[in-house]
Amino acid sequence: MSLFNYAEIQTMLPHRYPFLLIDAVLSLEANRSIVAVKCVTGTEPCYARLPEELTSRHIVYPRCLIVESFSQAGA
């Protein structure tokens, strides 16, 4: 069960799809830690123009989006 769902996160952050990179917050200890979830699917915009012959092993979520999701979780 999540502490905050997607709709609740939208009230806290100004970001919207496709730039809102947090789908749920599972736990939060103020000023210490947070566990947040980003559900990554094949329909993500970053995968839109990849060649079809790539296997799932060659498809990696972009590092810049990982860092941005960390930043959003911290906010």
Protein backbone atom coordinates (compact mmCIF):
# COMPACT_ATOMS: atom_id res chain seq x y z
CA MET A 1 0.00 0.00 0.00
CA SER A 2 1.31 3.42 -0.90
CA LEU A 3 1.66 6.39 1.39
CA PHE A 4 1.02 8.76 -1.54
CA ASN A 5 -0.48 7.78 -4.89
CA TYR A 6 -0.02 9.45 -8.29
CA ALA A 7 -2.89 11.91 -7.83
CA GLU A 8 -1.59 12.98 -4.42
CA ILE A 9 1.92 13.42 -5.80
CA GLN A 10 0.50 15.71 -8.51
CA THR A 11 -0.74 18.04 -5.76
CA MET A 12 2.82 18.27 -4.36
CA LEU A 13 4.92 18.63 -7.53
CA PRO A 14 4.40 20.93 -10.54
CA HIS A 15 5.45 18.19 -13.00
CA ARG A 16 2.95 16.39 -15.24
CA TYR A 17 3.14 13.50 -17.71
CA PRO A 18 5.59 12.69 -19.23
CA PHE A 19 7.89 14.55 -16.83
CA LEU A 20 6.37 13.42 -13.55
CA LEU A 21 8.62 10.47 -12.76
CA ILE A 22 7.21 9.32 -9.42
CA ASP A 23 4.14 7.05 -9.44
CA ALA A 24 3.88 6.29 -5.72
CA VAL A 25 5.60 6.85 -2.41
CA LEU A 26 5.74 3.68 -0.34
CA SER A 27 7.43 5.02 2.78
CA LEU A 28 8.75 8.28 4.11
CA GLU A 29 10.85 9.13 7.13
CA ALA A 30 11.07 12.94 7.23
CA ASN A 31 14.55 14.31 6.53
CA ARG A 32 16.00 10.76 6.43
CA SER A 33 14.66 8.47 3.70
CA ILE A 34 12.01 7.89 1.08
CA VAL A 35 10.99 4.86 -0.98
CA ALA A 36 9.33 5.90 -4.22
CA VAL A 37 8.22 3.92 -7.28
CA LYS A 38 8.41 4.72 -10.98
CA CYS A 39 6.63 2.16 -13.14
CA VAL A 40 8.64 1.88 -16.36
CA THR A 41 6.95 0.38 -19.42
CA GLY A 42 7.80 -0.02 -23.07
CA THR A 43 5.53 2.90 -23.91
CA GLU A 44 7.80 5.45 -22.22
CA PRO A 45 8.64 8.38 -24.54
CA CYS A 46 12.36 7.60 -24.19
CA TYR A 47 11.74 4.26 -25.94
CA ALA A 48 9.59 5.64 -28.77
CA ARG A 49 12.19 5.58 -31.55
CA LEU A 50 14.37 2.64 -30.61
CA PRO A 51 14.99 0.06 -33.34
CA GLU A 52 12.68 -2.95 -33.01
CA GLU A 53 15.54 -5.43 -33.25
CA LEU A 54 16.92 -4.41 -29.85
CA THR A 55 16.41 -6.97 -27.12
CA SER A 56 15.28 -6.02 -23.62
CA ARG A 57 18.84 -6.54 -22.43
CA HIS A 58 19.97 -3.63 -24.64
CA ILE A 59 17.26 -1.23 -23.50
CA VAL A 60 18.31 0.84 -20.50
CA TYR A 61 16.36 3.59 -18.75
CA PRO A 62 18.22 6.88 -19.33
CA ARG A 63 20.48 7.96 -16.47
CA CYS A 64 19.28 11.56 -16.67
CA LEU A 65 15.70 10.39 -15.98
CA ILE A 66 16.89 8.29 -13.04
CA VAL A 67 18.59 11.35 -11.55
CA GLU A 68 15.46 13.46 -12.20
CA SER A 69 13.27 10.86 -10.48
CA PHE A 70 15.63 10.97 -7.47
CA SER A 71 15.26 14.74 -7.43
CA GLN A 72 11.49 14.57 -7.62
CA ALA A 73 11.39 12.06 -4.78
CA GLY A 74 13.54 14.37 -2.71
CA ALA A 75 11.22 17.29 -3.38
